[in-house]
Amino acid sequence: MKVWITKHALTSGIIETTVNKSDVSGIFLSYCNKQGYWEFCFKSFWHTSREDAIKHAEIMRERKLASLHKAIHRIAGLQF
């Protein structure tokens, strides 16, 4: 089964990998990363289509940008 993982989309990009059906259990997915270690992720961070993964990565990007803008405004307002 081919899946796209967005767990680390903002730092490493979207990961495309193939997993066995036995590696998928309800809300969890286990997969082997590039270093050969097993990782787990929740259902919201793995997708069965590339389009869904891209949509989720865009939402993550927008949320991160909003958070950074908020931090910039907070820091800009500091007075010493």
PDB file of N, CA and C in Angstrom:
ATOM      1  N   MET A   1       0.854  -1.170   0.000  1.00  0.00           N
ATOM      2  CA  MET A   1       0.000   0.000   0.000  1.00  0.00           C
ATOM      3  C   MET A   1       0.901   1.235   0.000  1.00  0.00           C
ATOM      4  N   LYS A   2       0.663   2.145  -0.912  1.00  0.00           N
ATOM      5  CA  LYS A   2       1.474   3.355  -1.016  1.00  0.00           C
ATOM      6  C   LYS A   2       0.833   4.453  -0.167  1.00  0.00           C
ATOM      7  N   VAL A   3       1.649   5.130   0.647  1.00  0.00           N
ATOM      8  CA  VAL A   3       1.165   6.222   1.493  1.00  0.00           C
ATOM      9  C   VAL A   3       2.120   7.400   1.396  1.00  0.00           C
ATOM     10  N   TRP A   4       1.590   8.578   1.716  1.00  0.00           N
ATOM     11  CA  TRP A   4       2.371   9.799   1.765  1.00  0.00           C
ATOM     12  C   TRP A   4       2.310  10.322   3.189  1.00  0.00           C
ATOM     13  N   ILE A   5       3.463  10.602   3.770  1.00  0.00           N
ATOM     14  CA  ILE A   5       3.554  10.991   5.172  1.00  0.00           C
ATOM     15  C   ILE A   5       3.918  12.472   5.257  1.00  0.00           C
ATOM     16  N   THR A   6       3.115  13.222   6.033  1.00  0.00           N
ATOM     17  CA  THR A   6       3.328  14.663   6.172  1.00  0.00           C
ATOM     18  C   THR A   6       3.792  15.043   7.573  1.00  0.00           C
ATOM     19  N   LYS A   7       4.203  14.065   8.350  1.00  0.00           N
ATOM     20  CA  LYS A   7       4.602  14.312   9.740  1.00  0.00           C
ATOM     21  C   LYS A   7       5.714  15.358   9.828  1.00  0.00           C
ATOM     22  N   HIS A   8       6.694  15.278   8.954  1.00  0.00           N
ATOM     23  CA  HIS A   8       7.821  16.209   8.953  1.00  0.00           C
ATOM     24  C   HIS A   8       7.846  17.023   7.648  1.00  0.00           C
ATOM     25  N   ALA A   9       6.675  17.366   7.124  1.00  0.00           N
ATOM     26  CA  ALA A   9       6.585  18.027   5.816  1.00  0.00           C
ATOM     27  C   ALA A   9       7.283  19.378   5.786  1.00  0.00           C
ATOM     28  N   LEU A  10       7.276  20.103   6.893  1.00  0.00           N
ATOM     29  CA  LEU A  10       7.875  21.437   6.900  1.00  0.00           C
ATOM     30  C   LEU A  10       9.399  21.408   7.007  1.00  0.00           C
ATOM     31  N   THR A  11       9.967  20.295   7.398  1.00  0.00           N
ATOM     32  CA  THR A  11      11.423  20.201   7.514  1.00  0.00           C
ATOM     33  C   THR A  11      12.040  19.250   6.490  1.00  0.00           C
ATOM     34  N   SER A  12      11.374  18.138   6.224  1.00  0.00           N
ATOM     35  CA  SER A  12      11.934  17.127   5.328  1.00  0.00           C
ATOM     36  C   SER A  12      11.126  16.926   4.060  1.00  0.00           C
ATOM     37  N   GLY A  13       9.988  17.567   3.964  1.00  0.00           N
ATOM     38  CA  GLY A  13       9.115  17.371   2.815  1.00  0.00           C
ATOM     39  C   GLY A  13       8.161  16.206   3.026  1.00  0.00           C
ATOM     40  N   ILE A  14       7.362  15.942   2.026  1.00  0.00           N
ATOM     41  CA  ILE A  14       6.402  14.841   2.079  1.00  0.00           C
ATOM     42  C   ILE A  14       7.139  13.557   1.714  1.00  0.00           C
ATOM     43  N   ILE A  15       6.987  12.543   2.557  1.00  0.00           N
ATOM     44  CA  ILE A  15       7.662  11.261   2.340  1.00  0.00           C
ATOM     45  C   ILE A  15       6.701  10.301   1.659  1.00  0.00           C
ATOM     46  N   GLU A  16       7.128   9.724   0.553  1.00  0.00           N
ATOM     47  CA  GLU A  16       6.335   8.718  -0.143  1.00  0.00           C
ATOM     48  C   GLU A  16       6.950   7.355   0.170  1.00  0.00           C
ATOM     49  N   THR A  17       6.135   6.442   0.674  1.00  0.00           N
ATOM     50  CA  THR A  17       6.645   5.135   1.042  1.00  0.00           C
ATOM     51  C   THR A  17       5.584   4.070   0.821  1.00  0.00           C
ATOM     52  N   THR A  18       6.002   2.839   0.836  1.00  0.00           N
ATOM     53  CA  THR A  18       5.100   1.705   0.711  1.00  0.00           C
ATOM     54  C   THR A  18       5.110   0.941   2.020  1.00  0.00           C
ATOM     55  N   VAL A  19       3.928   0.616   2.517  1.00  0.00           N
ATOM     56  CA  VAL A  19       3.797  -0.126   3.775  1.00  0.00           C
ATOM     57  C   VAL A  19       2.900  -1.333   3.562  1.00  0.00           C
ATOM     58  N   ASN A  20       3.042  -2.304   4.439  1.00  0.00           N
ATOM     59  CA  ASN A  20       2.161  -3.469   4.425  1.00  0.00           C
ATOM     60  C   ASN A  20       0.866  -3.124   5.138  1.00  0.00           C
ATOM     61  N   LYS A  21      -0.188  -3.835   4.815  1.00  0.00           N
ATOM     62  CA  LYS A  21      -1.467  -3.621   5.503  1.00  0.00           C
ATOM     63  C   LYS A  21      -1.317  -3.872   6.994  1.00  0.00           C
ATOM     64  N   SER A  22      -0.410  -4.765   7.382  1.00  0.00           N
ATOM     65  CA  SER A  22      -0.222  -5.088   8.799  1.00  0.00           C
ATOM     66  C   SER A  22       0.427  -3.929   9.560  1.00  0.00           C
ATOM     67  N   ASP A  23       1.054  -2.971   8.843  1.00  0.00           N
ATOM     68  CA  ASP A  23       1.678  -1.820   9.486  1.00  0.00           C
ATOM     69  C   ASP A  23       0.674  -0.706   9.785  1.00  0.00           C
ATOM     70  N   VAL A  24      -0.563  -0.881   9.311  1.00  0.00           N
ATOM     71  CA  VAL A  24      -1.609   0.108   9.519  1.00  0.00           C
ATOM     72  C   VAL A  24      -2.602  -0.443  10.537  1.00  0.00           C
ATOM     73  N   SER A  25      -2.808   0.314  11.611  1.00  0.00           N
ATOM     74  CA  SER A  25      -3.774  -0.132  12.614  1.00  0.00           C
ATOM     75  C   SER A  25      -4.627   1.046  13.054  1.00  0.00           C
ATOM     76  N   GLY A  26      -5.832   1.119  12.574  1.00  0.00           N
ATOM     77  CA  GLY A  26      -6.768   2.163  12.979  1.00  0.00           C
ATOM     78  C   GLY A  26      -6.236   3.571  12.820  1.00  0.00           C
ATOM     79  N   ILE A  27      -5.672   4.111  13.895  1.00  0.00           N
ATOM     80  CA  ILE A  27      -5.209   5.504  13.855  1.00  0.00           C
ATOM     81  C   ILE A  27      -3.698   5.625  13.747  1.00  0.00           C
ATOM     82  N   PHE A  28      -2.974   4.516  13.738  1.00  0.00           N
ATOM     83  CA  PHE A  28      -1.508   4.546  13.671  1.00  0.00           C
ATOM     84  C   PHE A  28      -1.001   3.926  12.382  1.00  0.00           C
ATOM     85  N   LEU A  29       0.184   4.360  11.997  1.00  0.00           N
ATOM     86  CA  LEU A  29       0.905   3.770  10.872  1.00  0.00           C
ATOM     87  C   LEU A  29       2.354   3.643  11.295  1.00  0.00           C
ATOM     88  N   SER A  30       2.968   2.506  11.015  1.00  0.00           N
ATOM     89  CA  SER A  30       4.400   2.354  11.292  1.00  0.00           C
ATOM     90  C   SER A  30       5.116   2.196   9.950  1.00  0.00           C
ATOM     91  N   TYR A  31       6.263   2.867   9.835  1.00  0.00           N
ATOM     92  CA  TYR A  31       7.029   2.811   8.593  1.00  0.00           C
ATOM     93  C   TYR A  31       8.509   2.920   8.911  1.00  0.00           C
ATOM     94  N   CYS A  32       9.318   2.490   7.974  1.00  0.00           N
ATOM     95  CA  CYS A  32      10.771   2.535   8.137  1.00  0.00           C
ATOM     96  C   CYS A  32      11.271   3.816   7.460  1.00  0.00           C
ATOM     97  N   ASN A  33      11.975   4.664   8.228  1.00  0.00           N
ATOM     98  CA  ASN A  33      12.463   5.924   7.661  1.00  0.00           C
ATOM     99  C   ASN A  33      13.766   5.714   6.901  1.00  0.00           C
ATOM    100  N   LYS A  34      14.343   6.796   6.377  1.00  0.00           N
ATOM    101  CA  LYS A  34      15.561   6.703   5.553  1.00  0.00           C
ATOM    102  C   LYS A  34      16.760   6.157   6.314  1.00  0.00           C
ATOM    103  N   GLN A  35      16.801   6.372   7.637  1.00  0.00           N
ATOM    104  CA  GLN A  35      17.922   5.891   8.439  1.00  0.00           C
ATOM    105  C   GLN A  35      17.747   4.432   8.842  1.00  0.00           C
ATOM    106  N   GLY A  36      16.612   3.831   8.508  1.00  0.00           N
ATOM    107  CA  GLY A  36      16.370   2.434   8.827  1.00  0.00           C
ATOM    108  C   GLY A  36      15.668   2.210  10.158  1.00  0.00           C
ATOM    109  N   TYR A  37      15.215   3.292  10.785  1.00  0.00           N
ATOM    110  CA  TYR A  37      14.495   3.185  12.057  1.00  0.00           C
ATOM    111  C   TYR A  37      12.987   3.174  11.800  1.00  0.00           C
ATOM    112  N   TRP A  38      12.263   2.503  12.668  1.00  0.00           N
ATOM    113  CA  TRP A  38      10.807   2.477  12.558  1.00  0.00           C
ATOM    114  C   TRP A  38      10.227   3.713  13.229  1.00  0.00           C
ATOM    115  N   GLU A  39       9.304   4.361  12.551  1.00  0.00           N
ATOM    116  CA  GLU A  39       8.608   5.527  13.084  1.00  0.00           C
ATOM    117  C   GLU A  39       7.115   5.244  13.072  1.00  0.00           C
ATOM    118  N   PHE A  40       6.408   5.946  13.913  1.00  0.00           N
ATOM    119  CA  PHE A  40       4.957   5.827  13.989  1.00  0.00           C
ATOM    120  C   PHE A  40       4.346   7.201  13.788  1.00  0.00           C
ATOM    121  N   CYS A  41       3.167   7.243  13.174  1.00  0.00           N
ATOM    122  CA  CYS A  41       2.465   8.522  13.045  1.00  0.00           C
ATOM    123  C   CYS A  41       0.963   8.297  13.104  1.00  0.00           C
ATOM    124  N   PHE A  42       0.260   9.337  13.537  1.00  0.00           N
ATOM    125  CA  PHE A  42      -1.183   9.297  13.629  1.00  0.00           C
ATOM    126  C   PHE A  42      -1.812   9.416  12.249  1.00  0.00           C
ATOM    127  N   LYS A  43      -3.073   9.054  12.145  1.00  0.00           N
ATOM    128  CA  LYS A  43      -3.798   9.066  10.879  1.00  0.00           C
ATOM    129  C   LYS A  43      -3.783  10.433  10.211  1.00  0.00           C
ATOM    130  N   SER A  44      -3.797  11.501  10.984  1.00  0.00           N
ATOM    131  CA  SER A  44      -3.830  12.832  10.368  1.00  0.00           C
ATOM    132  C   SER A  44      -2.532  13.172   9.641  1.00  0.00           C
ATOM    133  N   PHE A  45      -1.468  12.402   9.867  1.00  0.00           N
ATOM    134  CA  PHE A  45      -0.183  12.688   9.233  1.00  0.00           C
ATOM    135  C   PHE A  45       0.207  11.682   8.159  1.00  0.00           C
ATOM    136  N   TRP A  46      -0.677  10.770   7.786  1.00  0.00           N
ATOM    137  CA  TRP A  46      -0.422   9.911   6.631  1.00  0.00           C
ATOM    138  C   TRP A  46      -1.663   9.852   5.761  1.00  0.00           C
ATOM    139  N   HIS A  47      -1.432   9.780   4.447  1.00  0.00           N
ATOM    140  CA  HIS A  47      -2.522   9.909   3.482  1.00  0.00           C
ATOM    141  C   HIS A  47      -2.357   8.853   2.395  1.00  0.00           C
ATOM    142  N   THR A  48      -3.490   8.450   1.819  1.00  0.00           N
ATOM    143  CA  THR A  48      -3.454   7.439   0.770  1.00  0.00           C
ATOM    144  C   THR A  48      -3.400   8.049  -0.631  1.00  0.00           C
ATOM    145  N   SER A  49      -3.458   9.377  -0.726  1.00  0.00           N
ATOM    146  CA  SER A  49      -3.300  10.033  -2.027  1.00  0.00           C
ATOM    147  C   SER A  49      -2.353  11.222  -1.885  1.00  0.00           C
ATOM    148  N   ARG A  50      -1.630  11.484  -2.926  1.00  0.00           N
ATOM    149  CA  ARG A  50      -0.671  12.590  -2.927  1.00  0.00           C
ATOM    150  C   ARG A  50      -1.386  13.937  -2.786  1.00  0.00           C
ATOM    151  N   GLU A  51      -2.552  14.058  -3.399  1.00  0.00           N
ATOM    152  CA  GLU A  51      -3.300  15.312  -3.345  1.00  0.00           C
ATOM    153  C   GLU A  51      -3.699  15.648  -1.910  1.00  0.00           C
ATOM    154  N   ASP A  52      -4.163  14.648  -1.162  1.00  0.00           N
ATOM    155  CA  ASP A  52      -4.525  14.873   0.243  1.00  0.00           C
ATOM    156  C   ASP A  52      -3.302  15.278   1.067  1.00  0.00           C
ATOM    157  N   ALA A  53      -2.161  14.652   0.773  1.00  0.00           N
ATOM    158  CA  ALA A  53      -0.931  14.989   1.490  1.00  0.00           C
ATOM    159  C   ALA A  53      -0.510  16.424   1.206  1.00  0.00           C
ATOM    160  N   ILE A  54      -0.634  16.849  -0.026  1.00  0.00           N
ATOM    161  CA  ILE A  54      -0.268  18.221  -0.387  1.00  0.00           C
ATOM    162  C   ILE A  54      -1.206  19.216   0.294  1.00  0.00           C
ATOM    163  N   LYS A  55      -2.498  18.917   0.334  1.00  0.00           N
ATOM    164  CA  LYS A  55      -3.456  19.800   1.009  1.00  0.00           C
ATOM    165  C   LYS A  55      -3.110  19.933   2.494  1.00  0.00           C
ATOM    166  N   HIS A  56      -2.782  18.808   3.130  1.00  0.00           N
ATOM    167  CA  HIS A  56      -2.444  18.851   4.554  1.00  0.00           C
ATOM    168  C   HIS A  56      -1.147  19.613   4.784  1.00  0.00           C
ATOM    169  N   ALA A  57      -0.163  19.434   3.918  1.00  0.00           N
ATOM    170  CA  ALA A  57       1.105  20.153   4.051  1.00  0.00           C
ATOM    171  C   ALA A  57       0.888  21.659   3.885  1.00  0.00           C
ATOM    172  N   GLU A  58      -0.009  22.057   2.988  1.00  0.00           N
ATOM    173  CA  GLU A  58      -0.328  23.480   2.810  1.00  0.00           C
ATOM    174  C   GLU A  58      -0.973  24.047   4.069  1.00  0.00           C
ATOM    175  N   ILE A  59      -1.868  23.287   4.687  1.00  0.00           N
ATOM    176  CA  ILE A  59      -2.499  23.728   5.936  1.00  0.00           C
ATOM    177  C   ILE A  59      -1.443  23.881   7.021  1.00  0.00           C
ATOM    178  N   MET A  60      -0.518  22.922   7.117  1.00  0.00           N
ATOM    179  CA  MET A  60       0.559  22.999   8.100  1.00  0.00           C
ATOM    180  C   MET A  60       1.418  24.238   7.858  1.00  0.00           C
ATOM    181  N   ARG A  61       1.714  24.520   6.583  1.00  0.00           N
ATOM    182  CA  ARG A  61       2.538  25.685   6.223  1.00  0.00           C
ATOM    183  C   ARG A  61       1.839  26.982   6.618  1.00  0.00           C
ATOM    184  N   GLU A  62       0.547  27.079   6.321  1.00  0.00           N
ATOM    185  CA  GLU A  62      -0.206  28.287   6.663  1.00  0.00           C
ATOM    186  C   GLU A  62      -0.258  28.506   8.171  1.00  0.00           C
ATOM    187  N   ARG A  63      -0.440  27.434   8.935  1.00  0.00           N
ATOM    188  CA  ARG A  63      -0.474  27.547  10.394  1.00  0.00           C
ATOM    189  C   ARG A  63       0.883  27.993  10.940  1.00  0.00           C
ATOM    190  N   LYS A  64       1.959  27.454  10.380  1.00  0.00           N
ATOM    191  CA  LYS A  64       3.295  27.835  10.829  1.00  0.00           C
ATOM    192  C   LYS A  64       3.580  29.299  10.503  1.00  0.00           C
ATOM    193  N   LEU A  65       3.201  29.742   9.307  1.00  0.00           N
ATOM    194  CA  LEU A  65       3.399  31.141   8.940  1.00  0.00           C
ATOM    195  C   LEU A  65       2.608  32.068   9.855  1.00  0.00           C
ATOM    196  N   ALA A  66       1.383  31.705  10.187  1.00  0.00           N
ATOM    197  CA  ALA A  66       0.573  32.517  11.094  1.00  0.00           C
ATOM    198  C   ALA A  66       1.232  32.592  12.467  1.00  0.00           C
ATOM    199  N   SER A  67       1.775  31.482  12.930  1.00  0.00           N
ATOM    200  CA  SER A  67       2.461  31.452  14.219  1.00  0.00           C
ATOM    201  C   SER A  67       3.702  32.338  14.197  1.00  0.00           C
ATOM    202  N   LEU A  68       4.458  32.278  13.113  1.00  0.00           N
ATOM    203  CA  LEU A  68       5.662  33.107  13.000  1.00  0.00           C
ATOM    204  C   LEU A  68       5.317  34.590  12.912  1.00  0.00           C
ATOM    205  N   HIS A  69       4.255  34.937  12.176  1.00  0.00           N
ATOM    206  CA  HIS A  69       3.830  36.344  12.100  1.00  0.00           C
ATOM    207  C   HIS A  69       3.423  36.843  13.479  1.00  0.00           C
ATOM    208  N   LYS A  70       2.730  36.025  14.220  1.00  0.00           N
ATOM    209  CA  LYS A  70       2.324  36.397  15.575  1.00  0.00           C
ATOM    210  C   LYS A  70       3.549  36.634  16.461  1.00  0.00           C
ATOM    211  N   ALA A  71       4.557  35.765  16.344  1.00  0.00           N
ATOM    212  CA  ALA A  71       5.786  35.921  17.124  1.00  0.00           C
ATOM    213  C   ALA A  71       6.547  37.176  16.711  1.00  0.00           C
ATOM    214  N   ILE A  72       6.575  37.467  15.427  1.00  0.00           N
ATOM    215  CA  ILE A  72       7.258  38.665  14.931  1.00  0.00           C
ATOM    216  C   ILE A  72       6.602  39.917  15.506  1.00  0.00           C
ATOM    217  N   HIS A  73       5.279  39.976  15.494  1.00  0.00           N
ATOM    218  CA  HIS A  73       4.569  41.145  16.028  1.00  0.00           C
ATOM    219  C   HIS A  73       4.787  41.285  17.534  1.00  0.00           C
ATOM    220  N   ARG A  74       4.826  40.157  18.232  1.00  0.00           N
ATOM    221  CA  ARG A  74       5.052  40.203  19.679  1.00  0.00           C
ATOM    222  C   ARG A  74       6.449  40.718  19.980  1.00  0.00           C
ATOM    223  N   ILE A  75       7.438  40.216  19.245  1.00  0.00           N
ATOM    224  CA  ILE A  75       8.829  40.635  19.476  1.00  0.00           C
ATOM    225  C   ILE A  75       9.041  42.087  19.031  1.00  0.00           C
ATOM    226  N   ALA A  76       8.394  42.494  17.947  1.00  0.00           N
ATOM    227  CA  ALA A  76       8.531  43.871  17.464  1.00  0.00           C
ATOM    228  C   ALA A  76       7.945  44.861  18.469  1.00  0.00           C
ATOM    229  N   GLY A  77       6.976  44.432  19.241  1.00  0.00           N
ATOM    230  CA  GLY A  77       6.353  45.314  20.207  1.00  0.00           C
ATOM    231  C   GLY A  77       7.107  45.432  21.528  1.00  0.00           C
ATOM    232  N   LEU A  78       8.165  44.684  21.706  1.00  0.00           N
ATOM    233  CA  LEU A  78       8.939  44.750  22.937  1.00  0.00           C
ATOM    234  C   LEU A  78       9.680  46.087  23.015  1.00  0.00           C
ATOM    235  N   GLN A  79       9.703  46.633  24.197  1.00  0.00           N
ATOM    236  CA  GLN A  79      10.464  47.868  24.408  1.00  0.00           C
ATOM    237  C   GLN A  79      11.415  47.662  25.589  1.00  0.00           C
ATOM    238  N   PHE A  80      12.617  48.141  25.429  1.00  0.00           N
ATOM    239  CA  PHE A  80      13.633  47.978  26.456  1.00  0.00           C
ATOM    240  C   PHE A  80      14.024  49.306  27.046  1.00  0.00           C
TER     241      PHE A  80
END
